[in-house]
Amino acid sequence: MSLNLGCAAVVGLVGVVGYVKTASKPSLAAGATFAILIAMGEILKEGNPHSLWSYFIISCWTLLGSIMGFRYYKGKKISTIVIAIMSILMLVYNFVQLSSETTEEAYNVENIEVVQ
C-alpha cells in the first residue's frame, strides 16, 4: 500500500467525521473529492514517480493544504491544521519521490563505461 493511498483514506475519513459530527456537507464533499482524486492519481501512476500523475497528486496535496491552512487561519477546528500539516508532509514525500533517480536506466550495468 502506498503512503498516498493511506493518507487519501485519512482525508476521506476526516471528511466523513466532519459530516457526522457537524452535519457539514462541504466537509464531506471536500474529503471525498480529494480522497478520490489522490487515490485515482496514485493508482494511475503505477509506480512510476516520473509520470504526469505525480504532478497531479502534488497539485491535489497543494490545493488541499492551502484550503485547510486558510480555514485554520480563519478560526476553524484543529482538524484543519492536522490535514494541512499532513498535506505539507505528503508534498515533501512526493517531491522526494519525483526527484529520485531510482529508474532502471540509472542503475543499468550496461551503461557503465570502464575508463582505462
C-alpha atoms as a PDB file:
ATOM      1  CA  MET A   1       0.000   0.000   0.000  1.00  0.00           C
ATOM      2  CA  SER A   2       1.280   3.427  -0.893  1.00  0.00           C
ATOM      3  CA  LEU A   3       1.622   6.283   1.557  1.00  0.00           C
ATOM      4  CA  ASN A   4      -0.503   8.437  -0.766  1.00  0.00           C
ATOM      5  CA  LEU A   5      -3.352   5.910  -0.625  1.00  0.00           C
ATOM      6  CA  GLY A   6      -3.189   5.725   3.157  1.00  0.00           C
ATOM      7  CA  CYS A   7      -3.255   9.487   3.559  1.00  0.00           C
ATOM      8  CA  ALA A   8      -6.060   9.778   0.996  1.00  0.00           C
ATOM      9  CA  ALA A   9      -8.063   7.382   3.163  1.00  0.00           C
ATOM     10  CA  VAL A  10      -7.372   9.606   6.200  1.00  0.00           C
ATOM     11  CA  VAL A  11      -8.594  12.665   4.276  1.00  0.00           C
ATOM     12  CA  GLY A  12     -11.797  10.842   3.325  1.00  0.00           C
ATOM     13  CA  LEU A  13     -12.287   9.654   6.903  1.00  0.00           C
ATOM     14  CA  VAL A  14     -11.853  13.164   8.308  1.00  0.00           C
ATOM     15  CA  GLY A  15     -14.451  14.403   5.815  1.00  0.00           C
ATOM     16  CA  VAL A  16     -16.909  11.738   6.965  1.00  0.00           C
ATOM     17  CA  VAL A  17     -16.232  12.520  10.637  1.00  0.00           C
ATOM     18  CA  GLY A  18     -16.782  16.228   9.956  1.00  0.00           C
ATOM     19  CA  TYR A  19     -20.110  15.413   8.348  1.00  0.00           C
ATOM     20  CA  VAL A  20     -21.227  13.097  11.165  1.00  0.00           C
ATOM     21  CA  LYS A  21     -20.250  15.488  13.979  1.00  0.00           C
ATOM     22  CA  THR A  22     -21.466  18.783  12.499  1.00  0.00           C
ATOM     23  CA  ALA A  23     -23.621  17.776   9.503  1.00  0.00           C
ATOM     24  CA  SER A  24     -21.182  19.694   7.285  1.00  0.00           C
ATOM     25  CA  LYS A  25     -21.854  18.745   3.681  1.00  0.00           C
ATOM     26  CA  PRO A  26     -18.867  20.783   2.391  1.00  0.00           C
ATOM     27  CA  SER A  27     -16.589  18.777   4.684  1.00  0.00           C
ATOM     28  CA  LEU A  28     -17.935  15.515   3.322  1.00  0.00           C
ATOM     29  CA  ALA A  29     -17.715  16.717  -0.285  1.00  0.00           C
ATOM     30  CA  ALA A  30     -14.155  18.032   0.070  1.00  0.00           C
ATOM     31  CA  GLY A  31     -12.937  14.954   1.936  1.00  0.00           C
ATOM     32  CA  ALA A  32     -14.473  12.540  -0.555  1.00  0.00           C
ATOM     33  CA  THR A  33     -13.363  14.546  -3.604  1.00  0.00           C
ATOM     34  CA  PHE A  34      -9.740  14.904  -2.548  1.00  0.00           C
ATOM     35  CA  ALA A  35      -9.552  11.303  -1.329  1.00  0.00           C
ATOM     36  CA  ILE A  36     -10.856  10.015  -4.664  1.00  0.00           C
ATOM     37  CA  LEU A  37      -8.615  12.317  -6.742  1.00  0.00           C
ATOM     38  CA  ILE A  38      -5.445  11.446  -4.818  1.00  0.00           C
ATOM     39  CA  ALA A  39      -6.230   7.717  -4.814  1.00  0.00           C
ATOM     40  CA  MET A  40      -7.005   7.812  -8.538  1.00  0.00           C
ATOM     41  CA  GLY A  41      -3.739   9.624  -9.235  1.00  0.00           C
ATOM     42  CA  GLU A  42      -1.750   7.117  -7.185  1.00  0.00           C
ATOM     43  CA  ILE A  43      -3.365   4.136  -8.889  1.00  0.00           C
ATOM     44  CA  LEU A  44      -2.806   5.597 -12.372  1.00  0.00           C
ATOM     45  CA  LYS A  45       0.791   6.498 -11.536  1.00  0.00           C
ATOM     46  CA  GLU A  46       1.532   2.741 -11.433  1.00  0.00           C
ATOM     47  CA  GLY A  47       4.792   3.015  -9.502  1.00  0.00           C
ATOM     48  CA  ASN A  48       6.422   5.447 -11.937  1.00  0.00           C
ATOM     49  CA  PRO A  49       7.384   8.535  -9.912  1.00  0.00           C
ATOM     50  CA  HIS A  50       8.221  10.439 -13.113  1.00  0.00           C
ATOM     51  CA  SER A  51       4.771  10.280 -14.697  1.00  0.00           C
ATOM     52  CA  LEU A  52       2.297  13.086 -15.223  1.00  0.00           C
ATOM     53  CA  TRP A  53       0.132  11.658 -12.430  1.00  0.00           C
ATOM     54  CA  SER A  54       2.845  12.543  -9.910  1.00  0.00           C
ATOM     55  CA  TYR A  55       2.294  16.207 -10.745  1.00  0.00           C
ATOM     56  CA  PHE A  56      -1.461  15.701 -10.457  1.00  0.00           C
ATOM     57  CA  ILE A  57      -1.027  14.251  -6.947  1.00  0.00           C
ATOM     58  CA  ILE A  58       1.283  17.110  -5.945  1.00  0.00           C
ATOM     59  CA  SER A  59      -1.319  19.598  -7.203  1.00  0.00           C
ATOM     60  CA  CYS A  60      -4.055  17.918  -5.177  1.00  0.00           C
ATOM     61  CA  TRP A  61      -1.976  17.955  -1.976  1.00  0.00           C
ATOM     62  CA  THR A  62      -1.038  21.601  -2.585  1.00  0.00           C
ATOM     63  CA  LEU A  63      -4.643  22.668  -3.085  1.00  0.00           C
ATOM     64  CA  LEU A  64      -5.888  20.667  -0.091  1.00  0.00           C
ATOM     65  CA  GLY A  65      -3.132  22.012   2.171  1.00  0.00           C
ATOM     66  CA  SER A  66      -3.825  25.575   1.064  1.00  0.00           C
ATOM     67  CA  ILE A  67      -7.553  25.285   1.691  1.00  0.00           C
ATOM     68  CA  MET A  68      -7.117  23.685   5.097  1.00  0.00           C
ATOM     69  CA  GLY A  69      -4.412  26.151   6.147  1.00  0.00           C
ATOM     70  CA  PHE A  70      -6.661  29.038   5.174  1.00  0.00           C
ATOM     71  CA  ARG A  71      -9.600  27.541   7.066  1.00  0.00           C
ATOM     72  CA  TYR A  72      -7.454  27.129  10.178  1.00  0.00           C
ATOM     73  CA  TYR A  73      -6.286  30.735   9.828  1.00  0.00           C
ATOM     74  CA  LYS A  74      -9.921  31.835   9.727  1.00  0.00           C
ATOM     75  CA  GLY A  75     -10.570  30.081  13.058  1.00  0.00           C
ATOM     76  CA  LYS A  76     -11.910  26.651  12.180  1.00  0.00           C
ATOM     77  CA  LYS A  77     -11.272  23.491  14.178  1.00  0.00           C
ATOM     78  CA  ILE A  78      -7.982  21.771  14.886  1.00  0.00           C
ATOM     79  CA  SER A  79      -8.649  19.002  12.333  1.00  0.00           C
ATOM     80  CA  THR A  80      -7.999  21.516   9.563  1.00  0.00           C
ATOM     81  CA  ILE A  81      -4.421  22.154  10.698  1.00  0.00           C
ATOM     82  CA  VAL A  82      -3.816  18.407  11.034  1.00  0.00           C
ATOM     83  CA  ILE A  83      -4.836  17.913   7.395  1.00  0.00           C
ATOM     84  CA  ALA A  84      -2.786  20.970   6.340  1.00  0.00           C
ATOM     85  CA  ILE A  85       0.341  19.603   8.049  1.00  0.00           C
ATOM     86  CA  MET A  86      -0.256  16.152   6.569  1.00  0.00           C
ATOM     87  CA  SER A  87      -0.578  17.784   3.130  1.00  0.00           C
ATOM     88  CA  ILE A  88       2.756  19.551   3.572  1.00  0.00           C
ATOM     89  CA  LEU A  89       4.425  16.299   4.623  1.00  0.00           C
ATOM     90  CA  MET A  90       2.922  14.498   1.633  1.00  0.00           C
ATOM     91  CA  LEU A  91       4.194  17.272  -0.659  1.00  0.00           C
ATOM     92  CA  VAL A  92       7.716  16.697   0.661  1.00  0.00           C
ATOM     93  CA  TYR A  93       7.311  12.928   0.253  1.00  0.00           C
ATOM     94  CA  ASN A  94       6.093  13.277  -3.349  1.00  0.00           C
ATOM     95  CA  PHE A  95       8.812  15.782  -4.296  1.00  0.00           C
ATOM     96  CA  VAL A  96      11.450  13.394  -2.935  1.00  0.00           C
ATOM     97  CA  GLN A  97       9.915  10.578  -4.977  1.00  0.00           C
ATOM     98  CA  LEU A  98       9.814  12.769  -8.052  1.00  0.00           C
ATOM     99  CA  SER A  99      13.429  13.876  -7.730  1.00  0.00           C
ATOM    100  CA  SER A 100      14.847  10.422  -7.015  1.00  0.00           C
ATOM    101  CA  GLU A 101      16.904   8.740  -9.700  1.00  0.00           C
ATOM    102  CA  THR A 102      15.802   5.195  -8.983  1.00  0.00           C
ATOM    103  CA  THR A 103      14.784   4.324 -12.510  1.00  0.00           C
ATOM    104  CA  GLU A 104      16.122   1.165 -14.079  1.00  0.00           C
ATOM    105  CA  GLU A 105      18.069   3.202 -16.630  1.00  0.00           C
ATOM    106  CA  ALA A 106      20.059   4.974 -13.918  1.00  0.00           C
ATOM    107  CA  TYR A 107      21.283   1.658 -12.490  1.00  0.00           C
ATOM    108  CA  ASN A 108      21.650  -0.251 -15.738  1.00  0.00           C
ATOM    109  CA  VAL A 109      25.017  -2.009 -15.702  1.00  0.00           C
ATOM    110  CA  GLU A 110      25.330  -1.818 -19.495  1.00  0.00           C
ATOM    111  CA  ASN A 111      25.526   1.998 -19.326  1.00  0.00           C
ATOM    112  CA  ILE A 112      28.664   1.959 -17.179  1.00  0.00           C
ATOM    113  CA  GLU A 113      31.841   2.692 -19.104  1.00  0.00           C
ATOM    114  CA  VAL A 114      35.199   1.444 -17.917  1.00  0.00           C
ATOM    115  CA  VAL A 115      37.956   4.062 -18.124  1.00  0.00           C
ATOM    116  CA  GLN A 116      41.492   2.713 -18.534  1.00  0.00           C
END
